[in-house]
């Protein structure tokens, strides 16, 4: 092979390597930005629940902390259920600790609750919390790759599901949830 041929082969390999590296980096950044990550999830789950179960996916980009923009997501499946007992099964697919707080919808709408200097909202109106890794109820947060759950008897209406870890709600980690008459 001539010197020119080797140069072309090396340049071709560099282009392929650069494209592959870029794809892996961008794909890695997108994991958690509203997509489910490849972090393994613990097999823990609630015992047999009466009523309906709502799957809640908690995601993040695993990056910046504080009031700076973080790529966070809170998604439910389904987005509405009939009134009655509802078990929210929250799975942390991200790299940061998360939690799930169920609140009546604010009169001003989704994402409008005041955020304090500590990056948290007022939770006194909470109807239930899932923030204990592999267990039900209140704790120190749902660790990456873990689940938590809470069962609440809900009336028809609109609710706001939020993560109230510091700065998560301020960066859009909330979702509207509707309960219809049964």
N, C-alpha and C. Protein backbone atom coordinates (compact mmCIF):
# COMPACT_ATOMS: atom_id res chain seq x y z
N UNK A 1 0.86 -1.17 0.00
CA UNK A 1 0.00 0.00 0.00
C UNK A 1 0.90 1.23 0.00
N UNK A 2 0.53 2.22 -0.80
CA UNK A 2 1.32 3.44 -0.90
C UNK A 2 1.08 4.33 0.31
N UNK A 3 1.89 5.33 0.46
CA UNK A 3 1.74 6.29 1.56
C UNK A 3 0.39 6.98 1.52
N UNK A 4 -0.05 7.31 0.29
CA UNK A 4 -1.37 7.95 0.15
C UNK A 4 -2.49 7.00 0.55
N UNK A 5 -2.38 5.75 0.19
CA UNK A 5 -3.39 4.75 0.52
C UNK A 5 -3.51 4.57 2.03
N UNK A 6 -2.35 4.53 2.70
CA UNK A 6 -2.36 4.40 4.16
C UNK A 6 -3.00 5.62 4.81
N UNK A 7 -2.68 6.79 4.29
CA UNK A 7 -3.24 8.03 4.83
C UNK A 7 -4.76 8.01 4.70
N UNK A 8 -5.27 7.57 3.55
CA UNK A 8 -6.71 7.51 3.34
C UNK A 8 -7.36 6.51 4.30
N UNK A 9 -6.73 5.37 4.50
CA UNK A 9 -7.26 4.36 5.42
C UNK A 9 -7.30 4.92 6.84
N UNK A 10 -6.20 5.56 7.26
CA UNK A 10 -6.14 6.14 8.60
C UNK A 10 -7.21 7.22 8.76
N UNK A 11 -7.33 8.09 7.76
CA UNK A 11 -8.35 9.15 7.84
C UNK A 11 -9.75 8.55 7.86
N UNK A 12 -9.98 7.52 7.06
CA UNK A 12 -11.29 6.85 7.07
C UNK A 12 -11.60 6.25 8.42
N UNK A 13 -10.61 5.60 9.03
CA UNK A 13 -10.80 5.03 10.37
C UNK A 13 -11.06 6.11 11.41
N UNK A 14 -10.36 7.23 11.29
CA UNK A 14 -10.59 8.34 12.22
C UNK A 14 -12.01 8.89 12.09
N UNK A 15 -12.49 9.02 10.86
CA UNK A 15 -13.85 9.52 10.63
C UNK A 15 -14.86 8.55 11.25
N UNK A 16 -14.68 7.24 11.03
CA UNK A 16 -15.59 6.24 11.61
C UNK A 16 -15.53 6.30 13.13
N UNK A 17 -14.32 6.39 13.70
CA UNK A 17 -14.15 6.46 15.14
C UNK A 17 -14.82 7.71 15.71
N UNK A 18 -14.63 8.84 15.04
CA UNK A 18 -15.26 10.09 15.48
C UNK A 18 -16.78 9.98 15.42
N UNK A 19 -17.33 9.41 14.36
CA UNK A 19 -18.78 9.26 14.23
C UNK A 19 -19.32 8.33 15.32
N UNK A 20 -18.62 7.23 15.57
CA UNK A 20 -19.05 6.29 16.60
C UNK A 20 -18.99 6.93 17.98
N UNK A 21 -17.92 7.64 18.28
CA UNK A 21 -17.77 8.31 19.56
C UNK A 21 -18.87 9.35 19.75
N UNK A 22 -19.14 10.14 18.73
CA UNK A 22 -20.19 11.17 18.81
C UNK A 22 -21.54 10.52 19.06
N UNK A 23 -21.82 9.43 18.37
CA UNK A 23 -23.09 8.73 18.55
C UNK A 23 -23.22 8.22 19.98
N UNK A 24 -22.15 7.63 20.50
CA UNK A 24 -22.20 7.12 21.88
C UNK A 24 -22.37 8.24 22.89
N UNK A 25 -21.68 9.35 22.70
CA UNK A 25 -21.79 10.48 23.63
C UNK A 25 -23.18 11.06 23.58
N UNK A 26 -23.68 11.35 22.39
CA UNK A 26 -25.01 11.95 22.26
C UNK A 26 -26.06 10.97 22.76
N UNK A 27 -25.94 9.69 22.41
CA UNK A 27 -26.89 8.69 22.90
C UNK A 27 -26.87 8.61 24.41
N UNK A 28 -25.69 8.71 25.01
CA UNK A 28 -25.58 8.68 26.47
C UNK A 28 -26.21 9.90 27.10
N UNK A 29 -26.06 11.04 26.45
CA UNK A 29 -26.68 12.26 26.98
C UNK A 29 -28.19 12.17 26.91
N UNK A 30 -28.70 11.55 25.84
CA UNK A 30 -30.14 11.45 25.69
C UNK A 30 -30.75 10.45 26.65
N UNK A 31 -29.97 9.49 27.10
CA UNK A 31 -30.50 8.54 28.07
C UNK A 31 -30.84 9.32 29.33
N UNK A 32 -32.08 9.30 29.71
CA UNK A 32 -32.52 10.05 30.87
C UNK A 32 -33.20 11.34 30.52
N UNK A 33 -33.04 11.84 29.31
CA UNK A 33 -33.72 13.06 28.90
C UNK A 33 -35.09 12.68 28.34
N UNK A 34 -35.92 12.11 29.20
CA UNK A 34 -37.25 11.70 28.77
C UNK A 34 -37.25 10.28 28.23
N UNK A 35 -36.09 9.62 28.16
CA UNK A 35 -36.01 8.24 27.71
C UNK A 35 -35.65 7.36 28.90
N UNK A 36 -35.91 6.11 28.78
CA UNK A 36 -35.57 5.17 29.82
C UNK A 36 -34.10 4.80 29.69
N UNK A 37 -33.36 4.86 30.79
CA UNK A 37 -31.94 4.57 30.74
C UNK A 37 -31.69 3.07 30.81
N UNK A 38 -30.42 2.72 30.73
CA UNK A 38 -30.05 1.31 30.81
C UNK A 38 -29.63 0.93 32.22
N UNK A 39 -29.86 1.80 33.21
CA UNK A 39 -29.57 1.47 34.60
C UNK A 39 -30.49 0.32 35.00
N UNK A 40 -29.92 -0.79 35.50
CA UNK A 40 -30.78 -1.91 35.90
C UNK A 40 -31.71 -1.49 37.04
N UNK A 41 -32.93 -2.00 37.03
CA UNK A 41 -33.91 -1.66 38.05
C UNK A 41 -34.08 -2.85 38.99
N UNK A 42 -34.06 -2.56 40.28
CA UNK A 42 -34.25 -3.60 41.30
C UNK A 42 -35.62 -4.25 41.09
N UNK A 43 -35.73 -5.49 41.45
CA UNK A 43 -36.98 -6.22 41.22
C UNK A 43 -38.03 -5.92 42.29
N UNK A 44 -37.74 -5.04 43.23
CA UNK A 44 -38.70 -4.75 44.29
C UNK A 44 -39.97 -4.14 43.72
N UNK A 45 -41.09 -4.51 44.29
CA UNK A 45 -42.39 -4.00 43.85
C UNK A 45 -43.37 -4.18 45.00
N UNK A 46 -44.48 -3.44 44.96
CA UNK A 46 -45.45 -3.60 46.04
C UNK A 46 -46.09 -4.98 45.98
N UNK A 47 -46.61 -5.40 47.13
CA UNK A 47 -47.37 -6.64 47.15
C UNK A 47 -48.62 -6.44 46.31
N UNK A 48 -49.46 -7.36 46.33
CA UNK A 48 -50.70 -7.28 45.55
C UNK A 48 -51.48 -6.03 45.95
N UNK A 49 -51.74 -5.17 44.98
CA UNK A 49 -52.46 -3.94 45.30
C UNK A 49 -53.91 -4.04 44.82
N UNK A 50 -54.78 -3.47 45.62
CA UNK A 50 -56.17 -3.39 45.18
C UNK A 50 -56.30 -2.09 44.39
N UNK A 51 -57.13 -2.07 43.41
CA UNK A 51 -57.31 -0.87 42.60
C UNK A 51 -56.41 -0.87 41.38
N UNK A 52 -56.11 0.31 40.92
CA UNK A 52 -55.37 0.50 39.68
C UNK A 52 -53.91 0.84 39.97
N UNK A 53 -53.03 0.45 39.05
CA UNK A 53 -51.62 0.78 39.21
C UNK A 53 -51.20 1.72 38.10
N UNK A 54 -50.50 2.77 38.48
CA UNK A 54 -49.97 3.74 37.53
C UNK A 54 -48.45 3.64 37.59
N UNK A 55 -47.82 3.40 36.45
CA UNK A 55 -46.37 3.35 36.35
C UNK A 55 -45.85 4.78 36.20
N UNK A 56 -44.92 5.17 37.05
CA UNK A 56 -44.34 6.52 36.98
C UNK A 56 -42.85 6.35 36.71
N UNK A 57 -42.38 6.95 35.61
CA UNK A 57 -40.96 6.90 35.25
C UNK A 57 -40.31 8.22 35.64
N UNK A 58 -39.25 8.13 36.44
CA UNK A 58 -38.49 9.30 36.88
C UNK A 58 -37.15 9.26 36.16
N UNK A 59 -36.83 10.30 35.39
CA UNK A 59 -35.61 10.30 34.59
C UNK A 59 -34.82 11.58 34.78
N UNK A 60 -33.54 11.51 34.45
CA UNK A 60 -32.68 12.70 34.52
C UNK A 60 -31.47 12.51 33.62
N UNK A 61 -30.77 13.61 33.41
CA UNK A 61 -29.53 13.55 32.63
C UNK A 61 -28.34 13.27 33.51
N UNK A 62 -28.56 13.17 34.82
CA UNK A 62 -27.49 12.85 35.74
C UNK A 62 -26.48 13.96 35.91
N UNK A 63 -26.87 15.19 35.58
CA UNK A 63 -25.89 16.27 35.54
C UNK A 63 -26.04 17.33 36.59
N UNK A 64 -26.11 18.56 36.15
CA UNK A 64 -25.99 19.74 36.98
C UNK A 64 -26.97 19.78 38.14
N UNK A 65 -26.51 20.35 39.23
CA UNK A 65 -27.36 20.55 40.40
C UNK A 65 -27.55 22.05 40.60
N UNK A 66 -28.52 22.41 41.40
CA UNK A 66 -28.79 23.82 41.66
C UNK A 66 -29.84 24.35 40.71
N UNK A 67 -30.02 25.67 40.70
CA UNK A 67 -31.08 26.26 39.90
C UNK A 67 -30.80 26.22 38.40
N UNK A 68 -29.58 25.82 37.97
CA UNK A 68 -29.27 25.75 36.55
C UNK A 68 -30.15 24.68 35.90
N UNK A 69 -30.36 24.80 34.60
CA UNK A 69 -31.20 23.89 33.85
C UNK A 69 -30.72 22.44 33.98
N UNK A 70 -31.63 21.56 34.40
CA UNK A 70 -31.37 20.12 34.46
C UNK A 70 -32.38 19.46 33.53
N UNK A 71 -32.00 18.39 32.89
CA UNK A 71 -32.90 17.67 32.01
C UNK A 71 -33.58 16.56 32.81
N UNK A 72 -34.81 16.82 33.26
CA UNK A 72 -35.53 15.91 34.14
C UNK A 72 -36.86 15.52 33.51
N UNK A 73 -37.38 14.36 33.90
CA UNK A 73 -38.67 13.94 33.38
C UNK A 73 -39.45 13.13 34.41
N UNK A 74 -40.76 13.28 34.37
CA UNK A 74 -41.69 12.51 35.19
C UNK A 74 -42.84 12.17 34.27
N UNK A 75 -43.00 10.88 33.97
CA UNK A 75 -44.01 10.45 33.00
C UNK A 75 -44.86 9.34 33.61
N UNK A 76 -46.17 9.36 33.33
CA UNK A 76 -47.08 8.36 33.87
C UNK A 76 -47.69 7.51 32.77
N UNK A 77 -48.00 6.28 33.12
CA UNK A 77 -48.71 5.40 32.21
C UNK A 77 -49.65 4.54 33.03
N UNK A 78 -50.95 4.77 32.93
CA UNK A 78 -51.65 5.72 32.08
C UNK A 78 -51.62 7.14 32.68
N UNK A 79 -52.19 8.08 31.95
CA UNK A 79 -52.23 9.47 32.42
C UNK A 79 -53.54 9.81 33.13
N UNK A 80 -54.46 8.85 33.15
CA UNK A 80 -55.72 9.03 33.89
C UNK A 80 -56.26 7.67 34.28
N UNK A 81 -57.03 7.67 35.37
CA UNK A 81 -57.66 6.45 35.88
C UNK A 81 -59.03 6.81 36.45
N UNK A 82 -59.81 5.78 36.78
CA UNK A 82 -61.10 5.99 37.44
C UNK A 82 -60.87 6.25 38.92
N UNK A 83 -61.80 6.95 39.54
CA UNK A 83 -61.72 7.26 40.97
C UNK A 83 -61.66 5.97 41.78
N UNK A 84 -60.95 6.03 42.91
CA UNK A 84 -60.81 4.89 43.79
C UNK A 84 -59.36 4.69 44.18
N UNK A 85 -59.01 3.51 44.71
CA UNK A 85 -57.63 3.26 45.13
C UNK A 85 -56.68 3.23 43.92
N UNK A 86 -55.59 3.97 44.02
CA UNK A 86 -54.59 4.04 42.94
C UNK A 86 -53.22 3.82 43.57
N UNK A 87 -52.47 2.87 43.03
CA UNK A 87 -51.09 2.66 43.46
C UNK A 87 -50.18 3.29 42.42
N UNK A 88 -49.37 4.24 42.85
CA UNK A 88 -48.36 4.85 41.99
C UNK A 88 -47.06 4.09 42.23
N UNK A 89 -46.55 3.42 41.20
CA UNK A 89 -45.30 2.69 41.26
C UNK A 89 -44.24 3.52 40.54
N UNK A 90 -43.39 4.18 41.33
CA UNK A 90 -42.39 5.11 40.79
C UNK A 90 -41.06 4.39 40.62
N UNK A 91 -40.53 4.41 39.40
CA UNK A 91 -39.25 3.77 39.09
C UNK A 91 -38.25 4.85 38.69
N UNK A 92 -37.12 4.86 39.38
CA UNK A 92 -36.06 5.83 39.11
C UNK A 92 -35.13 5.26 38.04
N UNK A 93 -35.29 5.75 36.81
CA UNK A 93 -34.45 5.34 35.69
C UNK A 93 -33.25 6.27 35.52
N UNK A 94 -33.12 7.25 36.41
CA UNK A 94 -32.06 8.24 36.29
C UNK A 94 -30.83 7.90 37.09
N UNK A 95 -29.98 8.90 37.22
CA UNK A 95 -28.72 8.75 37.96
C UNK A 95 -28.73 9.54 39.27
N UNK A 96 -29.80 10.31 39.50
CA UNK A 96 -29.95 11.11 40.72
C UNK A 96 -31.07 10.51 41.57
N UNK A 97 -31.08 10.80 42.86
CA UNK A 97 -32.22 10.42 43.70
C UNK A 97 -33.44 11.22 43.28
N UNK A 98 -34.62 10.60 43.35
CA UNK A 98 -35.88 11.27 43.02
C UNK A 98 -36.92 10.87 44.06
N UNK A 99 -38.10 11.48 43.96
CA UNK A 99 -39.24 11.09 44.78
C UNK A 99 -40.50 11.41 44.00
N UNK A 100 -41.62 10.94 44.51
CA UNK A 100 -42.91 11.22 43.90
C UNK A 100 -43.84 11.75 44.97
N UNK A 101 -44.37 12.95 44.74
CA UNK A 101 -45.33 13.57 45.66
C UNK A 101 -46.62 13.80 44.87
N UNK A 102 -47.75 13.38 45.43
CA UNK A 102 -49.04 13.56 44.79
C UNK A 102 -49.74 14.72 45.49
N UNK A 103 -50.09 15.75 44.71
CA UNK A 103 -50.72 16.96 45.24
C UNK A 103 -51.98 17.29 44.44
N UNK A 104 -52.96 17.95 45.06
CA UNK A 104 -54.07 18.48 44.26
C UNK A 104 -53.48 19.51 43.28
N UNK A 105 -54.07 19.62 42.10
CA UNK A 105 -53.56 20.60 41.13
C UNK A 105 -53.69 22.01 41.71
N UNK A 106 -52.65 22.79 41.54
CA UNK A 106 -52.65 24.18 41.98
C UNK A 106 -53.71 24.96 41.21
N UNK A 107 -54.33 25.93 41.86
CA UNK A 107 -55.32 26.77 41.19
C UNK A 107 -54.73 27.50 39.98
N UNK A 108 -53.41 27.75 40.02
CA UNK A 108 -52.75 28.44 38.92
C UNK A 108 -52.26 27.49 37.83
N UNK A 109 -52.40 26.18 38.03
CA UNK A 109 -52.05 25.22 36.99
C UNK A 109 -50.73 24.51 37.24
N UNK A 110 -50.39 23.66 36.32
CA UNK A 110 -49.21 22.81 36.38
C UNK A 110 -47.92 23.63 36.41
N UNK A 111 -47.03 23.28 37.33
CA UNK A 111 -45.71 23.90 37.38
C UNK A 111 -45.66 25.31 37.92
N UNK A 112 -46.69 25.73 38.65
CA UNK A 112 -46.75 27.13 39.10
C UNK A 112 -46.52 27.32 40.60
N UNK A 113 -46.19 26.26 41.31
CA UNK A 113 -45.99 26.38 42.76
C UNK A 113 -44.72 27.17 43.04
N UNK A 114 -44.73 28.02 44.07
CA UNK A 114 -43.52 28.78 44.41
C UNK A 114 -42.40 27.85 44.88
N UNK A 115 -41.19 28.15 44.44
CA UNK A 115 -40.01 27.37 44.81
C UNK A 115 -39.19 28.21 45.78
N UNK A 116 -38.84 27.61 46.94
CA UNK A 116 -38.07 28.32 47.95
C UNK A 116 -36.59 28.40 47.60
N UNK A 117 -35.85 29.11 48.43
CA UNK A 117 -34.41 29.28 48.23
C UNK A 117 -33.67 27.94 48.30
N UNK A 118 -34.30 26.94 48.94
CA UNK A 118 -33.69 25.61 49.02
C UNK A 118 -34.02 24.74 47.81
N UNK A 119 -34.77 25.32 46.84
CA UNK A 119 -35.12 24.58 45.63
C UNK A 119 -36.29 23.63 45.79
N UNK A 120 -37.04 23.76 46.91
CA UNK A 120 -38.16 22.87 47.18
C UNK A 120 -39.47 23.66 47.24
N UNK A 121 -40.58 22.93 47.12
CA UNK A 121 -41.90 23.55 47.21
C UNK A 121 -42.54 23.18 48.55
N UNK A 122 -43.64 23.82 48.86
CA UNK A 122 -44.42 23.51 50.07
C UNK A 122 -45.21 22.24 49.80
N UNK A 123 -45.02 21.22 50.64
CA UNK A 123 -45.66 19.92 50.45
C UNK A 123 -46.80 19.66 51.44
N UNK A 124 -47.23 20.65 52.19
CA UNK A 124 -48.23 20.39 53.24
C UNK A 124 -49.55 19.86 52.70
N UNK A 125 -49.87 20.10 51.43
CA UNK A 125 -51.12 19.60 50.84
C UNK A 125 -50.95 18.21 50.23
N UNK A 126 -49.80 17.59 50.45
CA UNK A 126 -49.51 16.28 49.86
C UNK A 126 -50.56 15.24 50.25
N UNK A 127 -50.97 14.45 49.27
CA UNK A 127 -51.91 13.36 49.51
C UNK A 127 -51.17 12.04 49.72
N UNK A 128 -49.90 12.01 49.33
CA UNK A 128 -49.09 10.81 49.48
C UNK A 128 -47.73 11.00 48.85
N UNK A 129 -46.74 10.26 49.38
CA UNK A 129 -45.36 10.38 48.91
C UNK A 129 -44.77 8.99 48.73
N UNK A 130 -44.00 8.83 47.66
CA UNK A 130 -43.20 7.63 47.44
C UNK A 130 -41.75 8.10 47.34
N UNK A 131 -40.97 7.84 48.38
CA UNK A 131 -39.57 8.29 48.36
C UNK A 131 -38.66 7.39 49.20
N UNK A 132 -38.99 6.12 49.24
CA UNK A 132 -38.16 5.17 49.99
C UNK A 132 -37.77 4.06 49.01
N UNK A 133 -36.48 3.86 48.81
CA UNK A 133 -36.00 2.85 47.87
C UNK A 133 -36.51 1.46 48.25
N UNK A 134 -37.16 0.83 47.29
CA UNK A 134 -37.69 -0.54 47.44
C UNK A 134 -38.65 -0.69 48.60
N UNK A 135 -39.42 0.36 48.88
CA UNK A 135 -40.42 0.30 49.94
C UNK A 135 -41.48 1.37 49.69
N UNK A 136 -42.54 1.30 50.45
CA UNK A 136 -43.64 2.24 50.32
C UNK A 136 -43.42 3.47 51.18
N UNK A 137 -43.94 4.60 50.72
CA UNK A 137 -44.02 5.79 51.56
C UNK A 137 -42.81 6.69 51.60
N UNK A 138 -42.75 7.47 52.68
CA UNK A 138 -41.77 8.54 52.85
C UNK A 138 -40.41 7.96 53.24
N UNK A 139 -39.35 8.53 52.67
CA UNK A 139 -37.99 8.12 52.99
C UNK A 139 -37.01 9.20 52.59
N UNK A 140 -35.82 8.77 52.23
CA UNK A 140 -34.75 9.71 51.86
C UNK A 140 -34.57 9.84 50.35
N UNK A 141 -35.52 9.40 49.58
CA UNK A 141 -35.42 9.48 48.13
C UNK A 141 -35.34 8.08 47.52
N UNK A 142 -35.71 8.01 46.25
CA UNK A 142 -35.64 6.75 45.51
C UNK A 142 -34.28 6.72 44.82
N UNK A 143 -33.44 5.78 45.19
CA UNK A 143 -32.10 5.68 44.62
C UNK A 143 -32.18 5.25 43.15
N UNK A 144 -31.18 5.61 42.35
CA UNK A 144 -31.15 5.17 40.95
C UNK A 144 -31.31 3.65 40.86
N UNK A 145 -32.17 3.23 39.94
CA UNK A 145 -32.40 1.81 39.74
C UNK A 145 -33.35 1.18 40.75
N UNK A 146 -34.02 2.01 41.56
CA UNK A 146 -34.94 1.49 42.57
C UNK A 146 -36.36 1.95 42.29
N UNK A 147 -37.28 1.35 43.05
CA UNK A 147 -38.69 1.71 42.96
C UNK A 147 -39.20 2.07 44.34
N UNK A 148 -40.29 2.82 44.35
CA UNK A 148 -41.04 3.10 45.56
C UNK A 148 -42.49 3.21 45.15
N UNK A 149 -43.41 3.16 46.10
CA UNK A 149 -44.81 3.22 45.75
C UNK A 149 -45.62 3.81 46.89
N UNK A 150 -46.80 4.27 46.49
CA UNK A 150 -47.77 4.79 47.45
C UNK A 150 -49.15 4.49 46.89
N UNK A 151 -50.06 4.09 47.77
CA UNK A 151 -51.45 3.83 47.36
C UNK A 151 -52.33 4.88 48.02
N UNK A 152 -53.16 5.52 47.20
CA UNK A 152 -54.01 6.61 47.66
C UNK A 152 -55.41 6.39 47.10
N UNK A 153 -56.44 6.66 47.90
CA UNK A 153 -57.82 6.62 47.42
C UNK A 153 -58.12 8.01 46.86
N UNK A 154 -58.22 8.11 45.54
CA UNK A 154 -58.38 9.42 44.89
C UNK A 154 -59.80 9.63 44.38
N UNK A 155 -60.29 10.84 44.58
CA UNK A 155 -61.58 11.27 44.02
C UNK A 155 -61.33 11.82 42.62
N UNK A 156 -62.41 12.00 41.86
CA UNK A 156 -62.25 12.57 40.53
C UNK A 156 -61.70 13.99 40.65
N UNK A 157 -60.86 14.35 39.72
CA UNK A 157 -60.23 15.66 39.72
C UNK A 157 -58.88 15.60 39.03
N UNK A 158 -58.17 16.72 39.09
CA UNK A 158 -56.85 16.81 38.47
C UNK A 158 -55.80 16.97 39.57
N UNK A 159 -54.71 16.25 39.40
CA UNK A 159 -53.64 16.22 40.40
C UNK A 159 -52.32 16.58 39.72
N UNK A 160 -51.38 17.01 40.56
CA UNK A 160 -50.04 17.30 40.07
C UNK A 160 -49.08 16.32 40.74
N UNK A 161 -48.36 15.55 39.94
CA UNK A 161 -47.34 14.64 40.43
C UNK A 161 -46.00 15.35 40.28
N UNK A 162 -45.22 15.39 41.35
CA UNK A 162 -43.97 16.15 41.32
C UNK A 162 -42.84 15.37 41.98
N UNK A 163 -41.63 15.73 41.60
CA UNK A 163 -40.44 15.33 42.35
C UNK A 163 -39.99 16.58 43.07
N UNK A 164 -39.89 16.50 44.40
CA UNK A 164 -39.50 17.68 45.17
C UNK A 164 -38.09 17.55 45.76
N UNK A 165 -37.24 16.80 45.08
CA UNK A 165 -35.82 16.87 45.44
C UNK A 165 -35.38 18.28 45.04
N UNK A 166 -34.36 18.86 45.71
CA UNK A 166 -33.98 20.25 45.43
C UNK A 166 -33.78 20.53 43.94
N UNK A 167 -34.50 21.51 43.47
CA UNK A 167 -34.47 22.08 42.12
C UNK A 167 -35.10 21.20 41.05
N UNK A 168 -35.60 20.02 41.40
CA UNK A 168 -36.19 19.16 40.38
C UNK A 168 -37.52 19.73 39.88
N UNK A 169 -38.40 20.14 40.79
CA UNK A 169 -39.68 20.73 40.38
C UNK A 169 -39.43 22.02 39.59
N UNK A 170 -38.51 22.83 40.05
CA UNK A 170 -38.21 24.10 39.37
C UNK A 170 -37.73 23.88 37.95
N UNK A 171 -37.19 22.71 37.68
CA UNK A 171 -36.69 22.38 36.35
C UNK A 171 -37.65 21.48 35.57
N UNK A 172 -38.92 21.49 35.97
CA UNK A 172 -39.96 20.84 35.18
C UNK A 172 -40.25 19.39 35.49
N UNK A 173 -39.88 18.91 36.65
CA UNK A 173 -40.14 17.50 36.97
C UNK A 173 -41.50 17.38 37.63
N UNK A 174 -42.54 17.49 36.80
CA UNK A 174 -43.92 17.38 37.26
C UNK A 174 -44.78 16.91 36.10
N UNK A 175 -45.97 16.44 36.43
CA UNK A 175 -46.91 15.99 35.41
C UNK A 175 -48.33 16.13 35.94
N UNK A 176 -49.25 16.42 35.04
CA UNK A 176 -50.67 16.45 35.39
C UNK A 176 -51.20 15.02 35.35
N UNK A 177 -52.13 14.72 36.26
CA UNK A 177 -52.73 13.40 36.32
C UNK A 177 -54.22 13.59 36.58
N UNK A 178 -55.06 12.88 35.83
CA UNK A 178 -56.50 13.06 35.91
C UNK A 178 -57.18 11.80 36.47
N UNK A 179 -58.09 12.02 37.39
CA UNK A 179 -58.91 10.93 37.92
C UNK A 179 -60.35 11.24 37.50
N UNK A 180 -60.96 10.28 36.81
CA UNK A 180 -62.33 10.47 36.33
C UNK A 180 -63.30 9.68 37.20
N UNK A 181 -64.57 10.05 37.15
CA UNK A 181 -65.58 9.34 37.94
C UNK A 181 -65.67 7.91 37.48
N UNK A 182 -65.84 7.03 38.45
CA UNK A 182 -65.93 5.60 38.07
C UNK A 182 -67.35 5.21 37.72
